[in-house]
N, C-alpha and C. Protein backbone atom coordinates (compact mmCIF):
# COMPACT_ATOMS: atom_id res chain seq x y z
N UNK A 1 -46.34 -228.00 -45.84
CA UNK A 1 -44.96 -227.33 -45.61
C UNK A 1 -43.84 -228.35 -45.38
N UNK A 2 -44.39 -229.63 -45.09
CA UNK A 2 -43.55 -230.85 -44.96
C UNK A 2 -42.92 -230.89 -43.64
N UNK A 3 -43.24 -230.00 -42.66
CA UNK A 3 -42.71 -230.02 -41.27
C UNK A 3 -43.77 -229.56 -40.24
N UNK A 4 -43.64 -230.07 -39.09
CA UNK A 4 -44.49 -229.66 -38.06
C UNK A 4 -44.70 -228.20 -37.91
N UNK A 5 -45.79 -227.77 -37.41
CA UNK A 5 -46.04 -226.26 -37.10
C UNK A 5 -44.94 -225.81 -36.09
N UNK A 6 -44.28 -224.67 -36.36
CA UNK A 6 -43.34 -224.18 -35.36
C UNK A 6 -44.11 -223.68 -34.14
N UNK A 7 -45.36 -222.97 -34.39
CA UNK A 7 -46.26 -222.68 -33.30
C UNK A 7 -47.65 -223.00 -33.75
N UNK A 8 -48.37 -223.69 -32.95
CA UNK A 8 -49.67 -224.22 -33.19
C UNK A 8 -50.56 -223.69 -32.09
N UNK A 9 -51.73 -223.19 -32.49
CA UNK A 9 -52.72 -222.75 -31.43
C UNK A 9 -54.10 -222.93 -31.92
N UNK A 10 -54.92 -223.21 -31.06
CA UNK A 10 -56.39 -223.25 -31.34
C UNK A 10 -57.00 -221.94 -31.08
N UNK A 11 -57.70 -221.37 -32.20
CA UNK A 11 -58.30 -219.95 -32.18
C UNK A 11 -59.76 -220.11 -31.76
N UNK A 12 -60.37 -221.17 -31.98
CA UNK A 12 -61.68 -221.47 -31.89
C UNK A 12 -61.94 -222.97 -31.70
N UNK A 13 -63.05 -223.40 -31.44
CA UNK A 13 -63.10 -224.90 -31.22
C UNK A 13 -62.70 -225.61 -32.48
N UNK A 14 -63.08 -225.08 -33.66
CA UNK A 14 -62.81 -225.82 -34.94
C UNK A 14 -61.70 -225.12 -35.75
N UNK A 15 -60.95 -224.13 -35.15
CA UNK A 15 -60.06 -223.41 -35.96
C UNK A 15 -58.58 -223.52 -35.39
N UNK A 16 -57.71 -224.20 -36.24
CA UNK A 16 -56.31 -224.33 -35.83
C UNK A 16 -55.42 -223.38 -36.62
N UNK A 17 -54.49 -222.78 -35.86
CA UNK A 17 -53.42 -221.88 -36.55
C UNK A 17 -52.24 -222.46 -36.45
N UNK A 18 -51.52 -222.67 -37.77
CA UNK A 18 -50.15 -223.18 -37.80
C UNK A 18 -49.28 -222.12 -38.37
N UNK A 19 -48.22 -221.93 -37.66
CA UNK A 19 -47.29 -220.72 -37.98
C UNK A 19 -45.91 -221.18 -38.14
N UNK A 20 -45.20 -220.49 -39.08
CA UNK A 20 -43.72 -220.75 -39.46
C UNK A 20 -43.12 -219.52 -39.41
N UNK A 21 -42.09 -219.25 -38.64
CA UNK A 21 -41.50 -217.94 -38.57
C UNK A 21 -40.43 -217.81 -39.75
N UNK A 22 -39.64 -218.88 -39.97
CA UNK A 22 -38.66 -218.63 -41.05
C UNK A 22 -39.31 -218.46 -42.43
N UNK A 23 -40.42 -219.18 -42.69
CA UNK A 23 -41.04 -219.09 -44.05
C UNK A 23 -42.07 -217.93 -44.09
N UNK A 24 -42.18 -217.09 -42.90
CA UNK A 24 -43.05 -216.02 -42.83
C UNK A 24 -44.55 -216.21 -43.25
N UNK A 25 -45.06 -217.30 -42.72
CA UNK A 25 -46.35 -217.57 -43.08
C UNK A 25 -47.28 -218.24 -42.02
N UNK A 26 -48.47 -218.09 -42.10
CA UNK A 26 -49.53 -218.72 -41.19
C UNK A 26 -50.63 -219.32 -42.03
N UNK A 27 -51.07 -220.48 -41.50
CA UNK A 27 -52.21 -221.29 -42.20
C UNK A 27 -53.30 -221.24 -41.17
N UNK A 28 -54.60 -221.10 -41.47
CA UNK A 28 -55.71 -221.08 -40.74
C UNK A 28 -56.49 -222.25 -41.28
N UNK A 29 -56.76 -223.30 -40.41
CA UNK A 29 -57.39 -224.55 -40.82
C UNK A 29 -58.77 -224.53 -40.09
N UNK A 30 -59.79 -224.74 -40.79
CA UNK A 30 -61.06 -224.91 -40.09
C UNK A 30 -61.50 -226.24 -40.35
N UNK A 31 -61.95 -227.14 -39.38
CA UNK A 31 -62.22 -228.43 -39.48
C UNK A 31 -61.25 -229.24 -40.31
N UNK A 32 -59.95 -228.90 -40.23
CA UNK A 32 -58.89 -229.59 -40.96
C UNK A 32 -58.67 -229.19 -42.38
N UNK A 33 -59.34 -228.23 -42.88
CA UNK A 33 -59.12 -227.69 -44.28
C UNK A 33 -58.57 -226.19 -44.20
N UNK A 34 -57.61 -225.92 -44.98
CA UNK A 34 -56.94 -224.57 -45.04
C UNK A 34 -58.06 -223.54 -45.58
N UNK A 35 -58.37 -222.54 -44.79
CA UNK A 35 -59.40 -221.50 -45.07
C UNK A 35 -58.72 -220.26 -45.39
N UNK A 36 -57.52 -219.97 -44.85
CA UNK A 36 -56.74 -218.80 -45.18
C UNK A 36 -55.28 -218.92 -45.01
N UNK A 37 -54.55 -217.98 -45.49
CA UNK A 37 -53.18 -217.89 -45.27
C UNK A 37 -52.72 -216.49 -45.11
N UNK A 38 -51.78 -216.25 -44.19
CA UNK A 38 -51.34 -214.88 -44.01
C UNK A 38 -49.77 -214.85 -44.15
N UNK A 39 -49.28 -214.17 -45.15
CA UNK A 39 -47.76 -213.99 -45.42
C UNK A 39 -47.28 -212.74 -44.98
N UNK A 40 -46.09 -212.72 -44.40
CA UNK A 40 -45.50 -211.41 -43.79
C UNK A 40 -44.28 -211.08 -44.43
N UNK A 41 -43.87 -209.78 -44.28
CA UNK A 41 -42.69 -209.22 -44.78
C UNK A 41 -41.68 -209.66 -43.59
N UNK A 42 -40.39 -209.76 -44.08
CA UNK A 42 -39.33 -210.01 -43.17
C UNK A 42 -39.19 -208.97 -42.08
N UNK A 43 -39.02 -209.44 -40.89
CA UNK A 43 -38.91 -208.53 -39.75
C UNK A 43 -40.14 -208.18 -38.97
N UNK A 44 -41.35 -208.60 -39.43
CA UNK A 44 -42.45 -208.53 -38.57
C UNK A 44 -42.26 -209.50 -37.33
N UNK A 45 -42.65 -209.07 -36.16
CA UNK A 45 -42.57 -209.99 -35.04
C UNK A 45 -43.31 -211.29 -35.13
N UNK A 46 -42.72 -212.41 -34.82
CA UNK A 46 -43.39 -213.59 -34.82
C UNK A 46 -44.01 -213.93 -33.42
N UNK A 47 -43.00 -213.68 -32.54
CA UNK A 47 -43.55 -213.96 -31.03
C UNK A 47 -43.04 -212.74 -30.29
N UNK A 48 -43.59 -212.60 -29.10
CA UNK A 48 -42.99 -211.48 -28.25
C UNK A 48 -41.99 -211.88 -27.28
N UNK A 49 -42.08 -213.15 -26.71
CA UNK A 49 -41.05 -213.56 -25.72
C UNK A 49 -40.85 -215.08 -25.94
N UNK A 50 -39.86 -215.63 -26.34
CA UNK A 50 -38.77 -214.79 -26.99
C UNK A 50 -39.07 -214.19 -28.26
N UNK A 51 -38.35 -213.15 -28.78
CA UNK A 51 -38.75 -212.36 -29.82
C UNK A 51 -38.10 -212.70 -31.21
N UNK A 52 -38.35 -213.79 -31.74
CA UNK A 52 -37.89 -214.07 -33.16
C UNK A 52 -38.92 -213.20 -33.96
N UNK A 53 -38.42 -212.89 -35.18
CA UNK A 53 -39.22 -212.28 -36.20
C UNK A 53 -39.46 -213.12 -37.36
N UNK A 54 -40.38 -212.86 -38.19
CA UNK A 54 -40.80 -213.42 -39.43
C UNK A 54 -39.52 -213.52 -40.29
N UNK A 55 -39.19 -214.50 -41.08
CA UNK A 55 -38.13 -214.56 -41.96
C UNK A 55 -38.53 -214.17 -43.39
N UNK A 56 -38.19 -214.86 -44.42
CA UNK A 56 -38.31 -214.53 -45.78
C UNK A 56 -39.42 -215.37 -46.51
N UNK A 57 -40.47 -214.66 -46.80
CA UNK A 57 -41.52 -215.41 -47.56
C UNK A 57 -41.05 -215.71 -49.12
N UNK A 58 -41.02 -217.03 -49.36
CA UNK A 58 -40.43 -217.45 -50.69
C UNK A 58 -41.50 -217.57 -51.81
N UNK A 59 -42.77 -217.13 -51.53
CA UNK A 59 -43.79 -217.09 -52.60
C UNK A 59 -43.56 -216.00 -53.53
N UNK A 60 -44.39 -215.95 -54.48
CA UNK A 60 -44.21 -214.76 -55.44
C UNK A 60 -45.51 -214.08 -55.71
N UNK A 61 -45.54 -212.94 -56.20
CA UNK A 61 -46.74 -212.19 -56.41
C UNK A 61 -46.99 -211.95 -57.85
N UNK A 62 -48.21 -212.09 -58.24
CA UNK A 62 -48.60 -211.80 -59.60
C UNK A 62 -48.18 -210.27 -59.90
N UNK A 63 -47.84 -209.95 -61.09
CA UNK A 63 -47.62 -208.57 -61.61
C UNK A 63 -46.44 -207.88 -61.01
N UNK A 64 -45.49 -208.58 -60.16
CA UNK A 64 -44.41 -207.87 -59.68
C UNK A 64 -44.40 -207.11 -58.39
N UNK A 65 -45.41 -207.28 -57.68
CA UNK A 65 -45.53 -206.65 -56.35
C UNK A 65 -44.70 -207.45 -55.44
N UNK A 66 -44.24 -206.86 -54.42
CA UNK A 66 -43.37 -207.61 -53.38
C UNK A 66 -43.44 -206.85 -52.03
N UNK A 67 -43.01 -207.64 -50.98
CA UNK A 67 -43.03 -207.08 -49.65
C UNK A 67 -41.96 -205.83 -49.62
N UNK A 68 -42.37 -205.02 -48.78
CA UNK A 68 -41.43 -203.75 -48.71
C UNK A 68 -41.58 -202.70 -49.69
N UNK A 69 -42.51 -202.97 -50.64
CA UNK A 69 -42.90 -201.94 -51.73
C UNK A 69 -43.72 -200.78 -51.14
N UNK A 70 -43.58 -199.57 -51.53
CA UNK A 70 -44.39 -198.43 -51.16
C UNK A 70 -45.89 -198.70 -51.69
N UNK A 71 -46.81 -198.02 -51.35
CA UNK A 71 -48.21 -198.14 -51.87
C UNK A 71 -48.36 -197.83 -53.28
N UNK A 72 -47.84 -196.63 -53.65
CA UNK A 72 -48.05 -196.24 -55.05
C UNK A 72 -47.54 -197.20 -56.09
N UNK A 73 -46.29 -197.83 -55.94
CA UNK A 73 -45.89 -198.73 -56.89
C UNK A 73 -46.75 -200.12 -56.84
N UNK A 74 -47.23 -200.45 -55.68
CA UNK A 74 -48.01 -201.66 -55.66
C UNK A 74 -49.28 -201.43 -56.43
N UNK A 75 -49.91 -200.20 -56.17
CA UNK A 75 -51.13 -199.95 -56.92
C UNK A 75 -50.84 -199.75 -58.55
N UNK A 76 -49.62 -199.46 -58.84
CA UNK A 76 -49.28 -199.30 -60.33
C UNK A 76 -49.37 -200.64 -60.96
N UNK A 77 -48.78 -201.74 -60.22
CA UNK A 77 -48.83 -203.05 -60.76
C UNK A 77 -50.17 -203.84 -60.50
N UNK A 78 -50.86 -203.52 -59.47
CA UNK A 78 -52.12 -204.24 -59.05
C UNK A 78 -53.38 -203.50 -59.34
N UNK A 79 -53.29 -202.32 -59.62
CA UNK A 79 -54.50 -201.39 -59.79
C UNK A 79 -54.93 -200.85 -58.36
N UNK A 80 -55.87 -199.99 -58.41
CA UNK A 80 -56.57 -199.48 -57.29
C UNK A 80 -57.32 -200.59 -56.45
N UNK A 81 -57.35 -200.52 -55.15
CA UNK A 81 -58.03 -201.50 -54.37
C UNK A 81 -59.49 -201.20 -54.40
N UNK A 82 -60.35 -202.15 -54.06
CA UNK A 82 -61.87 -201.94 -54.03
C UNK A 82 -62.18 -201.24 -52.72
N UNK A 83 -61.43 -201.37 -51.75
CA UNK A 83 -61.75 -200.65 -50.53
C UNK A 83 -60.40 -200.44 -49.75
N UNK A 84 -60.33 -199.26 -49.00
CA UNK A 84 -59.16 -198.95 -48.18
C UNK A 84 -59.69 -198.67 -46.75
N UNK A 85 -58.99 -199.25 -45.83
CA UNK A 85 -59.36 -199.17 -44.42
C UNK A 85 -58.12 -198.69 -43.60
N UNK A 86 -58.31 -197.47 -42.92
CA UNK A 86 -57.31 -197.00 -42.02
C UNK A 86 -57.31 -197.83 -40.80
N UNK A 87 -56.15 -198.08 -40.24
CA UNK A 87 -56.06 -198.83 -38.97
C UNK A 87 -55.36 -197.90 -37.95
N UNK A 88 -56.16 -197.50 -37.00
CA UNK A 88 -55.78 -196.47 -36.01
C UNK A 88 -55.33 -197.13 -34.58
N UNK A 89 -55.78 -198.27 -34.39
CA UNK A 89 -55.46 -199.02 -33.23
C UNK A 89 -54.05 -199.44 -33.21
N UNK A 90 -53.32 -199.32 -32.20
CA UNK A 90 -51.89 -199.87 -32.21
C UNK A 90 -51.89 -201.36 -32.35
N UNK A 91 -50.78 -201.78 -33.05
CA UNK A 91 -50.88 -203.26 -33.40
C UNK A 91 -49.43 -203.76 -33.37
N UNK A 92 -49.08 -205.07 -33.25
CA UNK A 92 -47.72 -205.48 -33.17
C UNK A 92 -46.99 -205.34 -34.60
N UNK A 93 -47.66 -205.16 -35.65
CA UNK A 93 -47.05 -205.14 -36.91
C UNK A 93 -46.78 -203.58 -37.39
N UNK A 94 -47.41 -202.80 -36.73
CA UNK A 94 -47.22 -201.39 -37.25
C UNK A 94 -48.22 -201.04 -38.38
N UNK A 95 -49.19 -201.84 -38.63
CA UNK A 95 -50.09 -201.74 -39.70
C UNK A 95 -50.92 -200.50 -39.57
N UNK A 96 -50.94 -199.68 -40.62
CA UNK A 96 -51.73 -198.42 -40.62
C UNK A 96 -52.76 -198.36 -41.75
N UNK A 97 -52.66 -199.32 -42.59
CA UNK A 97 -53.86 -199.32 -43.59
C UNK A 97 -53.86 -200.68 -44.20
N UNK A 98 -55.13 -201.11 -44.61
CA UNK A 98 -55.39 -202.29 -45.39
C UNK A 98 -56.20 -201.96 -46.74
N UNK A 99 -55.67 -202.64 -47.68
CA UNK A 99 -56.34 -202.46 -48.96
C UNK A 99 -57.00 -203.84 -49.48
N UNK A 100 -58.34 -203.78 -49.75
CA UNK A 100 -58.94 -204.95 -50.17
C UNK A 100 -59.05 -204.95 -51.80
N UNK A 101 -58.64 -206.20 -52.30
CA UNK A 101 -58.79 -206.47 -53.61
C UNK A 101 -59.65 -207.62 -53.88
N UNK A 102 -60.19 -208.00 -54.95
CA UNK A 102 -61.13 -209.12 -55.12
C UNK A 102 -60.77 -210.34 -54.49
N UNK A 103 -59.45 -210.66 -54.51
CA UNK A 103 -59.15 -212.06 -54.01
C UNK A 103 -58.23 -211.96 -52.76
N UNK A 104 -57.84 -210.89 -52.35
CA UNK A 104 -56.85 -210.90 -51.20
C UNK A 104 -56.76 -209.45 -50.57
N UNK A 105 -56.21 -209.33 -49.42
CA UNK A 105 -56.02 -208.14 -48.69
C UNK A 105 -54.73 -207.84 -48.36
N UNK A 106 -54.27 -206.60 -48.68
CA UNK A 106 -52.88 -206.25 -48.46
C UNK A 106 -52.81 -205.39 -47.24
N UNK A 107 -51.72 -205.52 -46.32
CA UNK A 107 -51.51 -204.82 -45.17
C UNK A 107 -50.32 -203.82 -45.29
N UNK A 108 -50.47 -202.64 -45.09
CA UNK A 108 -49.32 -201.70 -45.14
C UNK A 108 -48.89 -201.31 -43.70
N UNK A 109 -47.56 -201.46 -43.48
CA UNK A 109 -46.86 -201.12 -42.12
C UNK A 109 -46.09 -199.86 -42.21
N UNK A 110 -46.18 -199.10 -41.17
CA UNK A 110 -45.36 -197.91 -41.01
C UNK A 110 -44.01 -198.46 -40.38
N UNK A 111 -42.92 -198.44 -41.12
CA UNK A 111 -41.70 -198.92 -40.73
C UNK A 111 -40.74 -197.85 -40.06
N UNK A 112 -40.87 -196.56 -40.59
CA UNK A 112 -40.16 -195.52 -39.93
C UNK A 112 -41.06 -194.32 -40.09
N UNK A 113 -40.62 -193.14 -39.64
CA UNK A 113 -41.31 -191.94 -39.59
C UNK A 113 -42.03 -191.58 -40.95
N UNK A 114 -41.43 -191.79 -41.96
CA UNK A 114 -42.00 -191.45 -43.33
C UNK A 114 -41.99 -192.46 -44.28
N UNK A 115 -42.01 -193.67 -44.02
CA UNK A 115 -42.09 -194.83 -44.91
C UNK A 115 -43.19 -195.91 -44.46
N UNK A 116 -44.14 -196.15 -45.36
CA UNK A 116 -45.13 -197.13 -45.20
C UNK A 116 -44.93 -198.11 -46.27
N UNK A 117 -44.80 -199.43 -46.06
CA UNK A 117 -44.61 -200.57 -47.01
C UNK A 117 -45.55 -201.49 -46.84
N UNK A 118 -45.54 -202.41 -48.04
CA UNK A 118 -46.36 -203.58 -47.96
C UNK A 118 -45.78 -204.57 -47.00
N UNK A 119 -46.64 -205.01 -45.90
CA UNK A 119 -46.09 -205.72 -44.90
C UNK A 119 -46.61 -207.13 -44.72
N UNK A 120 -47.94 -207.26 -45.12
CA UNK A 120 -48.65 -208.55 -45.13
C UNK A 120 -49.75 -208.73 -46.25
N UNK A 121 -50.03 -209.96 -46.45
CA UNK A 121 -51.04 -210.37 -47.54
C UNK A 121 -51.86 -211.44 -46.83
N UNK A 122 -53.10 -211.19 -47.00
CA UNK A 122 -53.99 -212.30 -46.38
C UNK A 122 -54.76 -212.89 -47.57
N UNK A 123 -54.81 -214.11 -47.84
CA UNK A 123 -55.48 -214.83 -48.88
C UNK A 123 -56.48 -215.76 -48.17
N UNK A 124 -57.65 -215.82 -48.78
CA UNK A 124 -58.75 -216.70 -48.16
C UNK A 124 -59.23 -217.69 -49.25
N UNK A 125 -59.74 -218.71 -48.70
CA UNK A 125 -60.40 -219.70 -49.61
C UNK A 125 -61.68 -219.12 -50.01
N UNK A 126 -62.22 -219.39 -51.24
CA UNK A 126 -63.52 -219.01 -51.72
C UNK A 126 -64.48 -219.28 -50.64
N UNK A 127 -65.57 -218.29 -50.40
CA UNK A 127 -66.51 -218.51 -49.41
C UNK A 127 -67.39 -219.75 -49.64
N UNK A 128 -67.64 -220.02 -50.91
CA UNK A 128 -68.52 -221.20 -51.30
C UNK A 128 -67.86 -222.47 -50.80
N UNK A 129 -66.55 -222.59 -50.65
CA UNK A 129 -65.84 -223.76 -50.28
C UNK A 129 -65.48 -223.79 -48.85
N UNK A 130 -65.68 -222.66 -48.17
CA UNK A 130 -65.18 -222.44 -46.76
C UNK A 130 -66.20 -223.22 -45.89
N UNK A 131 -65.74 -224.00 -44.86
CA UNK A 131 -66.63 -224.72 -44.01
C UNK A 131 -67.42 -223.68 -43.22
N UNK A 132 -68.50 -224.05 -42.65
CA UNK A 132 -69.25 -223.12 -41.85
C UNK A 132 -68.52 -222.81 -40.65
N UNK A 133 -68.52 -221.57 -40.16
CA UNK A 133 -67.89 -221.11 -39.03
C UNK A 133 -66.45 -220.87 -39.31
N UNK A 134 -65.99 -220.69 -40.41
CA UNK A 134 -64.57 -220.58 -40.79
C UNK A 134 -64.14 -219.23 -40.15
N UNK A 135 -62.94 -219.18 -39.68
CA UNK A 135 -62.23 -218.14 -38.95
C UNK A 135 -61.55 -217.19 -39.99
N UNK A 136 -61.91 -215.89 -40.10
CA UNK A 136 -61.18 -215.06 -41.01
C UNK A 136 -59.70 -215.01 -40.65
N UNK A 137 -58.73 -215.10 -41.60
CA UNK A 137 -57.33 -215.22 -41.49
C UNK A 137 -56.91 -213.89 -40.59
N UNK A 138 -56.05 -214.24 -39.67
CA UNK A 138 -55.29 -213.22 -38.99
C UNK A 138 -56.20 -212.20 -38.19
N UNK A 139 -57.46 -212.61 -37.82
CA UNK A 139 -58.32 -211.66 -37.14
C UNK A 139 -57.68 -211.25 -35.86
N UNK A 140 -56.89 -212.14 -35.23
CA UNK A 140 -56.30 -211.84 -33.86
C UNK A 140 -54.89 -211.40 -34.04
N UNK A 141 -54.32 -211.62 -35.24
CA UNK A 141 -52.96 -211.27 -35.48
C UNK A 141 -52.64 -209.92 -36.04
N UNK A 142 -53.57 -209.44 -36.85
CA UNK A 142 -53.33 -208.22 -37.46
C UNK A 142 -54.77 -207.58 -37.99
N UNK A 143 -54.78 -206.45 -38.33
CA UNK A 143 -56.16 -205.74 -38.61
C UNK A 143 -56.75 -206.07 -39.97
N UNK A 144 -56.16 -206.99 -40.75
CA UNK A 144 -56.78 -207.14 -42.17
C UNK A 144 -58.08 -207.98 -42.01
N UNK A 145 -59.08 -207.69 -42.95
CA UNK A 145 -60.21 -208.45 -43.11
C UNK A 145 -60.19 -209.09 -44.36
N UNK A 146 -59.96 -210.39 -44.43
CA UNK A 146 -59.65 -211.24 -45.56
C UNK A 146 -60.98 -211.18 -46.48
N UNK A 147 -60.78 -211.14 -47.78
CA UNK A 147 -61.86 -211.15 -48.69
C UNK A 147 -62.24 -212.64 -49.08
N UNK A 148 -63.01 -212.80 -50.13
CA UNK A 148 -63.69 -214.06 -50.37
C UNK A 148 -62.75 -215.10 -51.08
N UNK A 149 -61.84 -214.88 -51.95
CA UNK A 149 -61.22 -215.85 -52.66
C UNK A 149 -59.61 -215.66 -52.49
N UNK A 150 -58.90 -216.67 -53.07
CA UNK A 150 -57.45 -216.66 -52.81
C UNK A 150 -56.62 -216.99 -54.12
N UNK A 151 -56.19 -215.82 -54.68
CA UNK A 151 -55.22 -215.88 -55.83
C UNK A 151 -54.54 -214.59 -55.88
N UNK A 152 -53.22 -214.61 -55.76
CA UNK A 152 -52.40 -213.30 -55.69
C UNK A 152 -51.41 -213.49 -56.85
């Protein structure tokens, strides 16, 4: 990123999380190597006190998907997910469903009474290259379960 972590925390003895609010991204490093990345839609909470929100993720998605898209249009461009998981536990992002694809997991947030949008994407390093004991991305931050590889 070219700048120090805005927020840095140790999630496990060998797992460091480096977070950037303005860029709307978190990196999970295991034994110094990036093992996963979690990107967020603008407006998801970054911290609770003080309460800044995530800013704008400047990366791009293959096939034209983007944050704040509804589920149906995302599936039109990316195809059907290999698995869908309902999220019933309350969480800080309002995530109500996650969709697993071969190389990533999408998180859908309920942003108002009748609108659920793409709110987060979890990319993970391939399992064969992941150091032993690697921490799944965002396990403590959001309900997504990251899959094995990272290309969106």
